[in-house]
N, C-alpha and C. Protein backbone atom coordinates (compact mmCIF):
# COMPACT_ATOMS: atom_id res chain seq x y z
N MET A 1 148.89 109.07 290.00
CA MET A 1 150.15 108.22 290.35
C MET A 1 149.93 106.66 289.56
N ALA A 2 148.68 106.29 289.41
CA ALA A 2 148.37 105.22 288.76
C ALA A 2 149.43 105.04 286.96
N ASN A 3 149.49 106.44 286.79
CA ASN A 3 149.89 106.35 285.31
C ASN A 3 151.79 106.14 285.90
N GLU A 4 151.96 106.38 286.48
CA GLU A 4 152.92 106.02 287.55
C GLU A 4 153.41 104.52 287.28
N ARG A 5 153.04 104.24 287.92
CA ARG A 5 152.88 101.95 288.47
C ARG A 5 152.63 101.77 287.06
N THR A 6 151.55 102.23 285.94
CA THR A 6 151.26 102.15 284.85
C THR A 6 153.17 101.94 284.06
N PHE A 7 153.61 102.58 284.10
CA PHE A 7 154.96 102.42 284.04
C PHE A 7 155.66 101.62 283.91
N LEU A 8 155.99 101.50 285.37
CA LEU A 8 156.64 101.14 285.97
C LEU A 8 156.61 99.52 285.33
N ALA A 9 154.94 99.72 285.95
CA ALA A 9 154.89 97.58 285.47
C ALA A 9 155.40 97.35 284.54
N TRP A 10 155.41 98.19 283.51
CA TRP A 10 155.36 97.58 282.05
C TRP A 10 157.58 97.64 282.10
N ILE A 11 158.31 98.70 282.69
CA ILE A 11 159.58 98.03 282.85
C ILE A 11 160.03 97.06 283.85
N ARG A 12 159.12 96.37 284.92
CA ARG A 12 158.78 95.50 285.19
C ARG A 12 158.94 94.24 284.34
N SER A 13 158.24 94.32 283.07
CA SER A 13 157.76 93.21 282.54
C SER A 13 158.99 93.52 281.34
N SER A 14 159.48 95.25 281.20
CA SER A 14 161.06 94.68 280.83
C SER A 14 162.08 94.23 280.91
N VAL A 15 162.63 93.92 281.81
CA VAL A 15 163.23 93.53 282.80
C VAL A 15 162.99 91.92 282.81
N ALA A 16 162.10 91.04 282.86
CA ALA A 16 161.61 89.88 282.58
C ALA A 16 162.49 89.14 281.59
N LEU A 17 160.87 89.77 280.42
CA LEU A 17 161.73 89.90 279.05
C LEU A 17 162.96 89.56 278.61
N VAL A 18 163.42 90.48 279.33
CA VAL A 18 165.35 90.42 278.86
C VAL A 18 166.12 89.31 280.00
N ALA A 19 165.70 89.29 281.18
CA ALA A 19 166.55 88.35 281.20
C ALA A 19 165.73 86.59 281.75
N GLY A 20 164.79 87.08 281.26
CA GLY A 20 164.20 85.88 280.32
C GLY A 20 165.06 84.88 279.34
N GLY A 21 165.40 85.60 278.31
CA GLY A 21 165.60 85.84 277.20
C GLY A 21 167.32 85.84 277.77
N VAL A 22 167.65 86.57 278.51
CA VAL A 22 169.75 85.99 278.87
C VAL A 22 169.77 84.77 279.67
N ALA A 23 168.64 84.30 280.17
CA ALA A 23 168.30 83.06 281.24
C ALA A 23 168.97 81.76 279.80
N LEU A 24 168.11 81.75 278.81
CA LEU A 24 167.92 80.89 277.99
C LEU A 24 169.31 80.48 277.79
N VAL A 25 170.37 81.41 277.79
CA VAL A 25 171.52 81.02 277.09
C VAL A 25 172.40 81.05 278.16
N ALA A 26 172.59 80.99 278.96
CA ALA A 26 172.68 81.64 279.48
C ALA A 26 172.83 79.92 281.08
N LEU A 27 171.81 80.16 281.39
CA LEU A 27 171.49 78.93 281.70
C LEU A 27 171.94 77.19 280.81
N ARG A 28 171.90 77.34 279.54
CA ARG A 28 171.78 76.00 278.74
C ARG A 28 170.89 75.23 279.00
N VAL A 29 170.24 76.06 278.40
CA VAL A 29 168.59 75.42 278.71
C VAL A 29 169.16 74.12 278.14
N PRO A 30 168.02 73.11 278.10
CA PRO A 30 167.95 72.05 277.09
C PRO A 30 166.87 71.72 275.99
N ILE A 31 167.75 72.55 275.70
CA ILE A 31 166.86 72.50 274.35
C ILE A 31 168.24 72.72 272.55
N ASP A 32 167.55 73.13 271.55
CA ASP A 32 168.50 72.67 270.74
C ASP A 32 169.06 74.33 270.42
N ALA A 33 170.04 74.43 270.28
CA ALA A 33 171.14 75.76 270.14
C ALA A 33 170.22 76.23 269.63
N GLY A 34 170.03 75.93 268.09
CA GLY A 34 169.53 77.25 267.01
C GLY A 34 167.77 77.92 267.41
N PHE A 35 166.96 76.80 268.12
CA PHE A 35 165.48 77.73 268.89
C PHE A 35 166.18 78.38 270.48
N ARG A 36 167.12 77.46 271.22
CA ARG A 36 167.09 78.29 271.76
C ARG A 36 167.68 79.63 271.68
N VAL A 37 168.36 80.06 270.71
CA VAL A 37 169.14 81.77 270.61
C VAL A 37 168.38 82.56 270.39
N ALA A 38 167.19 81.87 269.31
CA ALA A 38 166.08 82.38 268.79
C ALA A 38 164.74 82.79 269.63
N SER A 39 164.47 81.89 270.34
CA SER A 39 164.22 82.61 271.38
C SER A 39 164.27 83.45 272.67
N ALA A 40 165.83 83.41 273.29
CA ALA A 40 166.34 84.01 273.68
C ALA A 40 166.61 85.40 272.45
N ILE A 41 166.24 85.90 271.43
CA ILE A 41 166.45 86.83 270.81
C ILE A 41 164.96 88.02 271.08
N VAL A 42 164.03 86.78 270.99
CA VAL A 42 162.69 86.89 270.75
C VAL A 42 162.38 88.17 272.14
N PHE A 43 162.70 87.54 273.06
CA PHE A 43 162.20 87.63 274.58
C PHE A 43 163.22 89.16 274.72
N ILE A 44 164.29 88.84 274.39
CA ILE A 44 165.32 90.77 274.05
C ILE A 44 164.78 91.63 273.87
N SER A 45 164.32 91.01 272.67
CA SER A 45 163.76 92.33 271.36
C SER A 45 162.20 92.79 272.10
N LEU A 46 161.52 91.78 272.73
CA LEU A 46 160.18 92.12 273.26
C LEU A 46 160.82 92.79 274.99
N GLY A 47 161.70 92.46 275.76
CA GLY A 47 162.10 93.40 276.49
C GLY A 47 161.78 94.91 276.21
N MET A 48 162.91 94.86 275.44
CA MET A 48 163.65 96.77 273.99
C MET A 48 162.28 96.75 274.13
N LEU A 49 160.78 96.35 272.93
CA LEU A 49 159.45 97.01 272.55
C LEU A 49 159.00 97.62 274.08
N ALA A 50 158.46 96.81 275.03
CA ALA A 50 157.96 96.79 276.62
C ALA A 50 158.16 97.88 277.04
N ALA A 51 160.57 98.24 276.87
CA ALA A 51 160.40 99.78 278.13
C ALA A 51 160.00 100.76 276.28
N ILE A 52 159.91 100.54 275.36
CA ILE A 52 159.28 101.79 274.18
C ILE A 52 157.47 101.68 274.65
N GLN A 53 157.22 100.63 274.82
CA GLN A 53 155.92 101.18 275.17
C GLN A 53 155.65 101.32 276.53
N ALA A 54 156.48 101.35 277.58
CA ALA A 54 155.78 102.06 278.86
C ALA A 54 156.43 103.44 278.86
N TRP A 55 157.59 103.90 278.17
CA TRP A 55 157.58 105.03 277.74
C TRP A 55 156.20 106.07 276.43
N ILE A 56 156.07 105.40 275.32
CA ILE A 56 154.67 105.65 274.97
C ILE A 56 153.69 105.37 275.23
N GLY A 57 153.09 104.36 276.32
CA GLY A 57 151.94 104.62 276.66
C GLY A 57 151.41 105.48 277.74
N TRP A 58 153.42 105.65 278.63
CA TRP A 58 152.69 106.71 279.61
C TRP A 58 153.26 108.63 279.15
N ALA A 59 153.45 108.49 278.21
CA ALA A 59 153.63 110.02 277.62
C ALA A 59 152.08 110.74 277.08
N ARG A 60 151.49 108.90 276.15
CA ARG A 60 150.34 109.47 276.13
C ARG A 60 148.90 109.46 277.30
N THR A 61 148.66 108.54 277.86
CA THR A 61 148.22 108.70 278.88
C THR A 61 148.26 110.04 279.62
N GLU A 62 149.64 110.95 280.07
CA GLU A 62 149.86 111.74 280.10
C GLU A 62 148.94 112.91 279.65
N ARG A 63 149.24 113.23 278.45
CA ARG A 63 148.66 113.67 277.81
C ARG A 63 146.92 113.95 277.33
N ALA A 64 146.73 112.51 276.91
CA ALA A 64 145.13 112.30 277.79
C ALA A 64 144.58 113.24 279.18
N LEU A 65 144.80 112.72 280.05
CA LEU A 65 144.71 113.13 281.03
C LEU A 65 145.14 115.06 281.37
N ARG A 66 145.56 115.54 280.98
CA ARG A 66 145.82 116.97 280.45
C ARG A 66 144.73 117.25 279.81
N GLU A 67 144.50 116.41 278.75
CA GLU A 67 142.95 117.24 278.01
C GLU A 67 141.78 116.25 278.08
N ASN A 68 141.57 116.03 279.22
CA ASN A 68 140.23 115.15 279.56
C ASN A 68 139.92 114.72 278.17
N ARG A 69 141.00 114.07 278.53
CA ARG A 69 140.27 112.79 276.64
C ARG A 69 140.31 111.18 277.01
N ALA A 70 140.45 110.67 276.45
CA ALA A 70 139.73 108.84 277.18
C ALA A 70 141.09 108.40 277.39
N LEU A 71 141.20 107.44 278.08
CA LEU A 71 142.66 107.43 278.08
C LEU A 71 142.94 106.00 277.24
N PRO A 72 143.89 106.38 276.07
CA PRO A 72 144.84 105.56 274.79
C PRO A 72 145.24 104.16 275.64
N GLY A 73 144.73 102.51 275.55
CA GLY A 73 144.64 101.25 275.42
C GLY A 73 146.46 101.39 274.94
N PRO A 74 147.25 99.95 275.22
CA PRO A 74 148.25 99.46 274.87
C PRO A 74 149.24 100.09 273.46
N ALA A 75 149.84 101.03 272.91
CA ALA A 75 149.93 101.09 271.36
C ALA A 75 150.65 99.55 271.08
N LEU A 76 151.73 98.80 272.20
CA LEU A 76 152.31 97.85 271.15
C LEU A 76 152.17 96.40 271.76
N GLY A 77 151.06 96.56 272.94
CA GLY A 77 150.30 95.54 273.30
C GLY A 77 150.07 94.18 272.66
N VAL A 78 149.66 94.39 271.39
CA VAL A 78 149.47 92.63 270.73
C VAL A 78 150.16 92.11 270.42
N VAL A 79 151.54 93.56 269.88
CA VAL A 79 152.72 92.75 269.28
C VAL A 79 153.73 91.85 270.85
N ILE A 80 153.32 92.73 272.08
CA ILE A 80 154.25 92.08 272.30
C ILE A 80 153.62 90.45 272.57
N THR A 81 152.62 90.88 273.14
CA THR A 81 151.95 89.53 273.09
C THR A 81 151.99 88.08 272.57
N VAL A 82 152.13 88.54 271.07
CA VAL A 82 152.28 87.70 270.10
C VAL A 82 153.41 86.86 269.84
N GLY A 83 154.22 88.74 270.33
CA GLY A 83 156.05 88.13 270.53
C GLY A 83 156.50 86.89 271.79
N VAL A 84 155.08 87.03 272.04
CA VAL A 84 155.48 86.30 273.96
C VAL A 84 154.84 84.73 273.52
N LEU A 85 153.84 84.36 272.44
CA LEU A 85 153.57 83.43 271.87
C LEU A 85 154.29 83.22 271.40
N ALA A 86 155.34 83.68 270.05
CA ALA A 86 156.02 82.91 269.44
C ALA A 86 157.22 82.49 270.04
N GLY A 87 157.60 83.11 271.04
CA GLY A 87 158.85 82.98 272.01
C GLY A 87 159.06 81.67 272.13
N THR A 88 157.86 81.42 272.62
CA THR A 88 156.93 80.07 273.68
C THR A 88 157.05 79.02 272.78
N ALA A 89 157.05 79.83 272.05
CA ALA A 89 156.76 78.62 270.70
C ALA A 89 157.60 77.60 269.89
N LEU A 90 158.97 78.88 269.93
CA LEU A 90 160.28 78.61 269.83
C LEU A 90 160.33 78.05 270.92
N ILE A 91 160.41 77.96 272.40
CA ILE A 91 160.75 77.20 273.22
C ILE A 91 160.27 75.95 273.56
N VAL A 92 158.68 75.42 272.74
CA VAL A 92 158.44 74.56 273.16
C VAL A 92 158.63 73.36 272.42
N VAL A 93 158.62 74.02 270.69
CA VAL A 93 159.36 73.25 269.53
C VAL A 93 160.49 72.92 269.84
N GLY A 94 161.56 73.59 269.97
CA GLY A 94 162.48 73.26 270.61
C GLY A 94 163.28 72.23 271.57
N SER A 95 162.49 72.04 272.29
CA SER A 95 162.39 70.67 273.67
C SER A 95 162.27 69.39 272.71
N VAL A 96 161.07 69.44 271.90
CA VAL A 96 161.21 68.06 271.35
C VAL A 96 161.50 68.02 270.01
N VAL A 97 162.04 68.92 269.60
CA VAL A 97 163.62 68.09 268.29
C VAL A 97 164.84 67.61 269.28
């Protein structure tokens, strides 16, 4: 059951990232338009990557459990973390400009 909960946590994170990206554009946040759109694209792309991570992570963990091996770490975790930092930096820079 823990593997399924982890899968669902990645899916929730995916939905939150996509919703954040859409909200940046839809709510007319007071940020420079170029930075706002760029950060929205980053967050929406990361949301899609998080959904892919959910699927890959679930399959890899399921296989490791069946084969009695050590559990793998998140394959795209570092990429998503760096991407969130980059998207946040775009928002900060866009609000200063």
